Amino acid sequence: MVLVTVELPPAEATLEGAMRRLGLSEEEVDTAYGLVPLDPGQGLYAVRVTEQAGHRVTPPGEGPFADPPIEPYGPPQ
């Protein structure tokens, strides 16, 4: 899975709105991840999608972006 960004007006700022805007099916989107606000004031959000879908919906040089796991470094202190 990879991350893509999408610009949405406030009335469409839902996962379903992002899927419509990007032309994605439910099978291509991580619905559990949902729609993540990056800069809601500017209407910018992130969606987690399959790698194939990510390359299809983003122009070259503008994504998709990696989604590496985030884990603590070393033992808890």
Protein backbone atom coordinates (compact mmCIF):
# COMPACT_ATOMS: atom_id res chain seq x y z
CA MET A 1 0.00 0.00 0.00
CA VAL A 2 1.06 3.58 -0.71
CA LEU A 3 -0.23 7.03 0.17
CA VAL A 4 -1.71 9.51 -2.29
CA THR A 5 -2.88 13.04 -1.68
CA VAL A 6 -6.16 14.46 -2.84
CA GLU A 7 -7.63 17.96 -2.79
CA LEU A 8 -11.25 18.07 -1.67
CA PRO A 9 -13.72 20.89 -1.01
CA PRO A 10 -15.18 20.83 2.52
CA ALA A 11 -18.48 19.30 1.38
CA GLU A 12 -16.63 16.32 -0.18
CA ALA A 13 -14.06 15.78 2.58
CA THR A 14 -14.98 12.14 3.20
CA LEU A 15 -13.38 8.86 2.17
CA GLU A 16 -16.20 8.32 -0.31
CA GLY A 17 -15.60 11.80 -1.76
CA ALA A 18 -11.90 11.06 -2.16
CA MET A 19 -12.65 7.74 -3.85
CA ARG A 20 -15.02 9.47 -6.28
CA ARG A 21 -12.53 12.26 -7.00
CA LEU A 22 -9.71 9.76 -7.69
CA GLY A 23 -11.87 7.18 -9.46
CA LEU A 24 -11.01 4.40 -7.01
CA SER A 25 -12.98 1.30 -6.07
CA GLU A 26 -13.38 0.06 -2.50
CA GLU A 27 -10.98 -2.83 -3.28
CA GLU A 28 -8.21 -0.32 -4.09
CA VAL A 29 -8.52 1.68 -0.87
CA ASP A 30 -7.60 0.85 2.72
CA THR A 31 -10.95 1.83 4.21
CA ALA A 32 -9.72 1.12 7.75
CA TYR A 33 -6.99 3.74 7.29
CA GLY A 34 -9.60 6.23 6.16
CA LEU A 35 -9.14 9.80 5.02
CA VAL A 36 -6.31 11.58 6.85
CA PRO A 37 -6.32 15.39 6.99
CA LEU A 38 -2.95 16.87 5.99
CA ASP A 39 -4.04 20.50 5.67
CA PRO A 40 -7.85 20.72 5.88
CA GLY A 41 -7.71 24.51 5.52
CA GLN A 42 -6.26 23.98 2.05
CA GLY A 43 -8.46 20.93 1.39
CA LEU A 44 -5.51 18.50 1.33
CA TYR A 45 -5.97 14.90 2.50
CA ALA A 46 -4.19 11.53 2.25
CA VAL A 47 -5.63 8.14 1.33
CA ARG A 48 -3.91 4.73 1.52
CA VAL A 49 -4.33 2.77 -1.72
CA THR A 50 -2.85 -0.21 -3.56
CA GLU A 51 0.44 0.50 -5.29
CA GLN A 52 -1.10 -0.03 -8.73
CA ALA A 53 -3.92 2.42 -8.00
CA GLY A 54 -1.45 4.92 -6.57
CA HIS A 55 0.57 4.99 -9.78
CA ARG A 56 -2.60 5.27 -11.85
CA VAL A 57 -4.07 8.28 -10.01
CA THR A 58 -0.95 10.40 -9.46
CA PRO A 59 1.02 12.32 -12.08
CA PRO A 60 4.71 11.33 -12.39
CA GLY A 61 6.81 13.09 -9.78
CA GLU A 62 3.81 13.82 -7.52
CA GLY A 63 3.46 10.48 -5.78
CA PRO A 64 2.52 7.97 -4.72
CA PHE A 65 4.35 8.15 -1.41
CA ALA A 66 5.75 5.32 0.69
CA ASP A 67 3.93 4.24 3.83
CA PRO A 68 6.65 2.71 6.01
CA PRO A 69 5.73 1.25 9.39
CA ILE A 70 6.44 3.54 12.31
CA GLU A 71 7.94 1.77 15.29
CA PRO A 72 9.85 2.82 18.39
CA TYR A 73 13.62 2.69 18.13
CA GLY A 74 15.13 0.52 20.85
CA PRO A 75 13.62 -0.72 24.11
CA PRO A 76 11.14 1.46 26.02
CA GLN A 77 12.73 3.59 28.72
